[in-house]
Amino acid sequence: MTENSDNDYRDRVFRVVRSIPRGRVMTYGQIAEILGEGYTPRTVGFVMHSSNDKTPWHRVINAQGGCSTRGLVLPHDKQQRMLEAEGVSFNERRRCELQKYLWIPAELKGKNKPRAKKVSLFKN
């Protein structure tokens, strides 16, 4: 991968993340599904490690509705506290209710856009 294509790869992830409104979340897998071929939840996570202050990295969570920053961000509950400050609630298992807080871009609502998976996050 060339440096330009590597930058474009990261920029595509950041554009999606910057579109997430306050008080809403997207999952790593959801972002990978939107971006298509060549993106996986794991690669989206790696890209998020290099995000800057202009990118609301805290709005990207795991598929269980939890934060995946333990051991990566100090303090360990920083992501959850940032989301709570935006109105996202977490239960005793430290998970938010995805049906309530998951954000689906308007252009994808009502569309099934699965890649190689049978299950899509974009079903109504």
N, C-alpha and C. Protein backbone atom coordinates (compact mmCIF):
# COMPACT_ATOMS: atom_id res chain seq x y z
N MET A 1 0.86 -1.18 0.00
CA MET A 1 0.00 0.00 0.00
C MET A 1 0.90 1.24 0.00
N THR A 2 0.66 2.16 -0.86
CA THR A 2 1.46 3.38 -0.90
C THR A 2 1.03 4.32 0.21
N GLU A 3 1.85 5.31 0.47
CA GLU A 3 1.53 6.27 1.53
C GLU A 3 0.22 7.01 1.24
N ASN A 4 0.00 7.40 -0.03
CA ASN A 4 -1.23 8.10 -0.40
C ASN A 4 -2.45 7.21 -0.20
N SER A 5 -2.37 5.94 -0.62
CA SER A 5 -3.52 5.06 -0.45
C SER A 5 -3.74 4.75 1.02
N ASP A 6 -2.66 4.68 1.80
CA ASP A 6 -2.77 4.47 3.24
C ASP A 6 -3.48 5.66 3.89
N ASN A 7 -3.13 6.88 3.47
CA ASN A 7 -3.79 8.08 4.00
C ASN A 7 -5.26 8.11 3.59
N ASP A 8 -5.55 7.76 2.34
CA ASP A 8 -6.93 7.73 1.87
C ASP A 8 -7.74 6.71 2.66
N TYR A 9 -7.13 5.57 2.93
CA TYR A 9 -7.78 4.51 3.71
C TYR A 9 -8.20 5.06 5.08
N ARG A 10 -7.27 5.70 5.77
CA ARG A 10 -7.56 6.29 7.09
C ARG A 10 -8.57 7.43 6.97
N ASP A 11 -8.41 8.29 5.97
CA ASP A 11 -9.32 9.42 5.80
C ASP A 11 -10.76 8.97 5.60
N ARG A 12 -10.95 7.87 4.89
CA ARG A 12 -12.32 7.35 4.70
C ARG A 12 -12.94 6.96 6.04
N VAL A 13 -12.16 6.32 6.90
CA VAL A 13 -12.66 5.96 8.24
C VAL A 13 -12.98 7.23 9.01
N PHE A 14 -12.07 8.18 9.03
CA PHE A 14 -12.27 9.41 9.79
C PHE A 14 -13.49 10.20 9.30
N ARG A 15 -13.74 10.22 8.00
CA ARG A 15 -14.92 10.93 7.47
C ARG A 15 -16.20 10.33 8.04
N VAL A 16 -16.28 9.01 8.08
CA VAL A 16 -17.47 8.37 8.64
C VAL A 16 -17.60 8.71 10.12
N VAL A 17 -16.51 8.60 10.86
CA VAL A 17 -16.55 8.85 12.31
C VAL A 17 -16.91 10.30 12.60
N ARG A 18 -16.42 11.23 11.81
CA ARG A 18 -16.74 12.64 12.03
C ARG A 18 -18.20 12.96 11.74
N SER A 19 -18.89 12.07 11.06
CA SER A 19 -20.31 12.29 10.76
C SER A 19 -21.24 11.81 11.87
N ILE A 20 -20.71 11.12 12.86
CA ILE A 20 -21.54 10.59 13.95
C ILE A 20 -21.97 11.75 14.85
N PRO A 21 -23.28 11.94 15.03
CA PRO A 21 -23.74 13.06 15.87
C PRO A 21 -23.48 12.81 17.36
N ARG A 22 -23.46 13.90 18.12
CA ARG A 22 -23.35 13.80 19.58
C ARG A 22 -24.45 12.90 20.12
N GLY A 23 -24.10 12.09 21.11
CA GLY A 23 -25.08 11.24 21.75
C GLY A 23 -25.43 9.99 20.97
N ARG A 24 -24.73 9.72 19.90
CA ARG A 24 -24.96 8.52 19.09
C ARG A 24 -23.64 7.78 18.92
N VAL A 25 -23.70 6.52 18.56
CA VAL A 25 -22.51 5.70 18.38
C VAL A 25 -22.61 4.88 17.11
N MET A 26 -21.46 4.42 16.66
CA MET A 26 -21.38 3.43 15.57
C MET A 26 -20.41 2.37 16.06
N THR A 27 -20.51 1.16 15.50
CA THR A 27 -19.58 0.10 15.87
C THR A 27 -18.46 0.01 14.84
N TYR A 28 -17.36 -0.60 15.27
CA TYR A 28 -16.24 -0.82 14.36
C TYR A 28 -16.71 -1.61 13.14
N GLY A 29 -17.52 -2.64 13.37
CA GLY A 29 -18.03 -3.47 12.29
C GLY A 29 -18.96 -2.73 11.36
N GLN A 30 -19.77 -1.87 11.91
CA GLN A 30 -20.70 -1.07 11.11
C GLN A 30 -19.91 -0.16 10.16
N ILE A 31 -18.86 0.47 10.66
CA ILE A 31 -18.03 1.34 9.83
C ILE A 31 -17.35 0.52 8.73
N ALA A 32 -16.83 -0.65 9.09
CA ALA A 32 -16.19 -1.52 8.10
C ALA A 32 -17.19 -1.93 7.02
N GLU A 33 -18.42 -2.21 7.42
CA GLU A 33 -19.45 -2.61 6.46
C GLU A 33 -19.78 -1.47 5.50
N ILE A 34 -19.87 -0.27 6.02
CA ILE A 34 -20.15 0.90 5.19
C ILE A 34 -19.03 1.12 4.17
N LEU A 35 -17.79 1.00 4.61
CA LEU A 35 -16.64 1.29 3.74
C LEU A 35 -16.34 0.18 2.75
N GLY A 36 -16.77 -1.03 3.04
CA GLY A 36 -16.67 -2.11 2.07
C GLY A 36 -15.35 -2.85 2.04
N GLU A 37 -15.08 -3.41 0.89
CA GLU A 37 -13.92 -4.27 0.67
C GLU A 37 -12.64 -3.68 1.23
N GLY A 38 -11.90 -4.49 1.96
CA GLY A 38 -10.62 -4.05 2.51
C GLY A 38 -10.71 -3.50 3.92
N TYR A 39 -11.90 -3.34 4.45
CA TYR A 39 -12.07 -2.83 5.81
C TYR A 39 -12.67 -3.93 6.68
N THR A 40 -12.13 -4.09 7.87
CA THR A 40 -12.66 -5.02 8.85
C THR A 40 -12.82 -4.26 10.17
N PRO A 41 -13.59 -4.79 11.11
CA PRO A 41 -13.69 -4.11 12.40
C PRO A 41 -12.31 -3.89 13.03
N ARG A 42 -11.45 -4.86 12.90
CA ARG A 42 -10.11 -4.74 13.49
C ARG A 42 -9.30 -3.62 12.83
N THR A 43 -9.36 -3.52 11.50
CA THR A 43 -8.58 -2.46 10.84
C THR A 43 -9.16 -1.09 11.16
N VAL A 44 -10.48 -0.99 11.29
CA VAL A 44 -11.08 0.29 11.71
C VAL A 44 -10.55 0.65 13.10
N GLY A 45 -10.46 -0.32 14.00
CA GLY A 45 -9.91 -0.07 15.33
C GLY A 45 -8.48 0.44 15.28
N PHE A 46 -7.66 -0.18 14.44
CA PHE A 46 -6.27 0.26 14.30
C PHE A 46 -6.21 1.70 13.80
N VAL A 47 -7.05 2.03 12.83
CA VAL A 47 -7.08 3.39 12.30
C VAL A 47 -7.48 4.37 13.41
N MET A 48 -8.44 3.98 14.23
CA MET A 48 -8.91 4.87 15.29
C MET A 48 -7.80 5.22 16.28
N HIS A 49 -6.81 4.36 16.43
CA HIS A 49 -5.68 4.66 17.33
C HIS A 49 -4.89 5.87 16.86
N SER A 50 -4.97 6.20 15.58
CA SER A 50 -4.20 7.33 15.06
C SER A 50 -5.06 8.58 14.86
N SER A 51 -6.28 8.57 15.41
CA SER A 51 -7.16 9.73 15.21
C SER A 51 -6.67 10.92 16.02
N ASN A 52 -7.10 12.10 15.58
CA ASN A 52 -6.70 13.33 16.28
C ASN A 52 -7.91 13.93 17.01
N ASP A 53 -7.72 15.10 17.56
CA ASP A 53 -8.78 15.75 18.34
C ASP A 53 -9.99 16.15 17.51
N LYS A 54 -9.86 16.22 16.20
CA LYS A 54 -10.99 16.58 15.34
C LYS A 54 -11.91 15.40 15.09
N THR A 55 -11.48 14.23 15.47
CA THR A 55 -12.24 13.00 15.23
C THR A 55 -12.85 12.53 16.55
N PRO A 56 -14.18 12.40 16.62
CA PRO A 56 -14.82 11.96 17.86
C PRO A 56 -14.68 10.44 18.05
N TRP A 57 -13.45 10.00 18.27
CA TRP A 57 -13.11 8.59 18.39
C TRP A 57 -13.96 7.86 19.42
N HIS A 58 -14.38 8.59 20.45
CA HIS A 58 -15.12 7.97 21.55
C HIS A 58 -16.50 7.46 21.12
N ARG A 59 -16.98 7.89 19.96
CA ARG A 59 -18.31 7.47 19.48
C ARG A 59 -18.28 6.14 18.73
N VAL A 60 -17.12 5.51 18.67
CA VAL A 60 -17.00 4.20 18.02
C VAL A 60 -16.80 3.15 19.11
N ILE A 61 -17.73 2.19 19.14
CA ILE A 61 -17.71 1.18 20.20
C ILE A 61 -17.76 -0.22 19.60
N ASN A 62 -17.72 -1.23 20.46
CA ASN A 62 -17.75 -2.60 19.95
C ASN A 62 -19.19 -3.07 19.70
N ALA A 63 -19.32 -4.22 19.08
CA ALA A 63 -20.62 -4.74 18.66
C ALA A 63 -21.53 -5.12 19.83
N GLN A 64 -20.97 -5.22 21.03
CA GLN A 64 -21.78 -5.51 22.22
C GLN A 64 -22.27 -4.24 22.91
N GLY A 65 -21.90 -3.09 22.36
CA GLY A 65 -22.32 -1.81 22.94
C GLY A 65 -21.38 -1.31 24.02
N GLY A 66 -20.18 -1.88 24.07
CA GLY A 66 -19.22 -1.49 25.09
C GLY A 66 -18.01 -0.77 24.51
N CYS A 67 -17.25 -0.20 25.41
CA CYS A 67 -16.02 0.50 25.03
C CYS A 67 -14.88 -0.51 24.96
N SER A 68 -14.03 -0.36 23.99
CA SER A 68 -12.90 -1.28 23.81
C SER A 68 -11.57 -0.57 24.02
N THR A 69 -11.54 0.36 24.93
CA THR A 69 -10.32 1.14 25.12
C THR A 69 -9.56 0.76 26.39
N ARG A 70 -10.04 -0.22 27.14
CA ARG A 70 -9.35 -0.63 28.37
C ARG A 70 -7.91 -1.00 28.03
N GLY A 71 -6.97 -0.41 28.76
CA GLY A 71 -5.57 -0.67 28.52
C GLY A 71 -4.96 0.19 27.41
N LEU A 72 -5.80 0.92 26.68
CA LEU A 72 -5.30 1.76 25.58
C LEU A 72 -5.40 3.24 25.89
N VAL A 73 -6.37 3.60 26.70
CA VAL A 73 -6.63 5.00 27.01
C VAL A 73 -6.61 5.16 28.53
N LEU A 74 -6.01 6.22 28.99
CA LEU A 74 -6.02 6.51 30.42
C LEU A 74 -6.80 7.77 30.68
N PRO A 75 -7.66 7.81 31.65
CA PRO A 75 -8.08 6.68 32.47
C PRO A 75 -8.90 5.68 31.66
N HIS A 76 -8.98 4.45 32.14
CA HIS A 76 -9.59 3.35 31.39
C HIS A 76 -11.06 3.60 31.06
N ASP A 77 -11.75 4.43 31.82
CA ASP A 77 -13.18 4.68 31.57
C ASP A 77 -13.43 6.00 30.85
N LYS A 78 -12.39 6.58 30.28
CA LYS A 78 -12.51 7.89 29.62
C LYS A 78 -13.56 7.87 28.50
N GLN A 79 -13.54 6.85 27.65
CA GLN A 79 -14.48 6.78 26.53
C GLN A 79 -15.92 6.73 27.05
N GLN A 80 -16.17 5.89 28.03
CA GLN A 80 -17.53 5.78 28.56
C GLN A 80 -17.97 7.11 29.18
N ARG A 81 -17.09 7.76 29.92
CA ARG A 81 -17.45 9.05 30.53
C ARG A 81 -17.72 10.11 29.47
N MET A 82 -16.96 10.10 28.38
CA MET A 82 -17.19 11.06 27.30
C MET A 82 -18.56 10.83 26.66
N LEU A 83 -18.91 9.57 26.46
CA LEU A 83 -20.22 9.25 25.88
C LEU A 83 -21.35 9.60 26.85
N GLU A 84 -21.15 9.32 28.12
CA GLU A 84 -22.17 9.66 29.12
C GLU A 84 -22.40 11.17 29.15
N ALA A 85 -21.34 11.95 28.97
CA ALA A 85 -21.47 13.41 28.93
C ALA A 85 -22.32 13.87 27.74
N GLU A 86 -22.40 13.03 26.71
CA GLU A 86 -23.23 13.33 25.54
C GLU A 86 -24.63 12.72 25.66
N GLY A 87 -24.92 12.06 26.79
CA GLY A 87 -26.25 11.51 27.01
C GLY A 87 -26.40 10.02 26.76
N VAL A 88 -25.33 9.33 26.45
CA VAL A 88 -25.39 7.88 26.23
C VAL A 88 -25.33 7.19 27.59
N SER A 89 -26.30 6.32 27.85
CA SER A 89 -26.36 5.59 29.13
C SER A 89 -25.75 4.21 28.97
N PHE A 90 -25.13 3.75 30.04
CA PHE A 90 -24.54 2.42 30.08
C PHE A 90 -25.16 1.64 31.23
N ASN A 91 -25.31 0.32 31.05
CA ASN A 91 -25.86 -0.51 32.12
C ASN A 91 -24.76 -0.99 33.05
N GLU A 92 -25.12 -1.86 33.99
CA GLU A 92 -24.16 -2.34 34.98
C GLU A 92 -23.05 -3.18 34.33
N ARG A 93 -23.27 -3.68 33.12
CA ARG A 93 -22.24 -4.43 32.40
C ARG A 93 -21.39 -3.53 31.53
N ARG A 94 -21.59 -2.22 31.66
CA ARG A 94 -20.83 -1.19 30.93
C ARG A 94 -21.11 -1.24 29.42
N ARG A 95 -22.37 -1.49 29.09
CA ARG A 95 -22.79 -1.52 27.69
C ARG A 95 -23.96 -0.57 27.49
N CYS A 96 -23.99 0.06 26.32
CA CYS A 96 -25.13 0.91 25.99
C CYS A 96 -26.11 0.11 25.16
N GLU A 97 -27.32 0.58 25.09
CA GLU A 97 -28.36 -0.08 24.32
C GLU A 97 -28.22 0.34 22.85
N LEU A 98 -27.71 -0.56 22.04
CA LEU A 98 -27.45 -0.22 20.64
C LEU A 98 -28.71 0.16 19.89
N GLN A 99 -29.84 -0.47 20.20
CA GLN A 99 -31.08 -0.12 19.50
C GLN A 99 -31.45 1.35 19.73
N LYS A 100 -31.01 1.89 20.83
CA LYS A 100 -31.34 3.28 21.16
C LYS A 100 -30.29 4.27 20.63
N TYR A 101 -29.01 3.92 20.71
CA TYR A 101 -27.95 4.88 20.42
C TYR A 101 -27.21 4.68 19.10
N LEU A 102 -27.40 3.53 18.45
CA LEU A 102 -26.69 3.27 17.20
C LEU A 102 -27.14 4.26 16.13
N TRP A 103 -26.18 4.87 15.47
CA TRP A 103 -26.49 5.83 14.42
C TRP A 103 -26.30 5.17 13.07
N ILE A 104 -27.32 5.29 12.22
CA ILE A 104 -27.26 4.80 10.85
C ILE A 104 -27.42 6.01 9.94
N PRO A 105 -26.42 6.28 9.12
CA PRO A 105 -26.52 7.43 8.21
C PRO A 105 -27.80 7.38 7.38
N ALA A 106 -28.41 8.52 7.14
CA ALA A 106 -29.70 8.61 6.44
C ALA A 106 -29.68 7.89 5.10
N GLU A 107 -28.56 7.98 4.38
CA GLU A 107 -28.51 7.36 3.06
C GLU A 107 -28.50 5.83 3.14
N LEU A 108 -28.31 5.27 4.34
CA LEU A 108 -28.30 3.81 4.49
C LEU A 108 -29.54 3.26 5.17
N LYS A 109 -30.36 4.12 5.74
CA LYS A 109 -31.56 3.65 6.43
C LYS A 109 -32.47 2.92 5.46
N GLY A 110 -32.96 1.77 5.92
CA GLY A 110 -33.87 0.99 5.10
C GLY A 110 -33.21 0.15 4.03
N LYS A 111 -31.89 0.23 3.96
CA LYS A 111 -31.17 -0.56 2.96
C LYS A 111 -30.39 -1.66 3.66
N ASN A 112 -30.39 -2.82 3.08
CA ASN A 112 -29.48 -3.87 3.50
C ASN A 112 -28.24 -3.70 2.64
N LYS A 113 -27.11 -3.57 3.30
CA LYS A 113 -25.89 -3.39 2.54
C LYS A 113 -24.82 -4.36 3.06
N PRO A 114 -25.16 -5.64 3.14
CA PRO A 114 -24.17 -6.57 3.66
C PRO A 114 -23.05 -6.82 2.67
N ARG A 115 -21.87 -7.09 3.21
CA ARG A 115 -20.76 -7.50 2.34
C ARG A 115 -20.83 -9.01 2.25
N ALA A 116 -19.91 -9.70 2.82
CA ALA A 116 -19.88 -11.15 2.72
C ALA A 116 -20.63 -11.80 3.88
N LYS A 117 -21.22 -11.01 4.74
CA LYS A 117 -21.92 -11.53 5.90
C LYS A 117 -23.40 -11.69 5.59
N LYS A 118 -24.04 -12.59 6.34
CA LYS A 118 -25.48 -12.77 6.18
C LYS A 118 -26.24 -11.81 7.07
N VAL A 119 -25.61 -11.34 8.14
CA VAL A 119 -26.28 -10.45 9.08
C VAL A 119 -25.82 -9.03 8.81
N SER A 120 -26.75 -8.11 8.77
CA SER A 120 -26.40 -6.70 8.54
C SER A 120 -26.90 -5.86 9.70
N LEU A 121 -26.14 -4.87 10.04
CA LEU A 121 -26.54 -3.93 11.09
C LEU A 121 -27.56 -2.93 10.58
N PHE A 122 -27.85 -2.94 9.26
CA PHE A 122 -28.68 -1.92 8.68
C PHE A 122 -30.12 -2.38 8.44
N LYS A 123 -30.53 -3.44 9.07
CA LYS A 123 -31.92 -3.88 8.95
C LYS A 123 -32.79 -3.05 9.86
N ASN A 124 -33.99 -2.76 9.42
CA ASN A 124 -34.93 -2.01 10.26
C ASN A 124 -35.57 -2.90 11.27
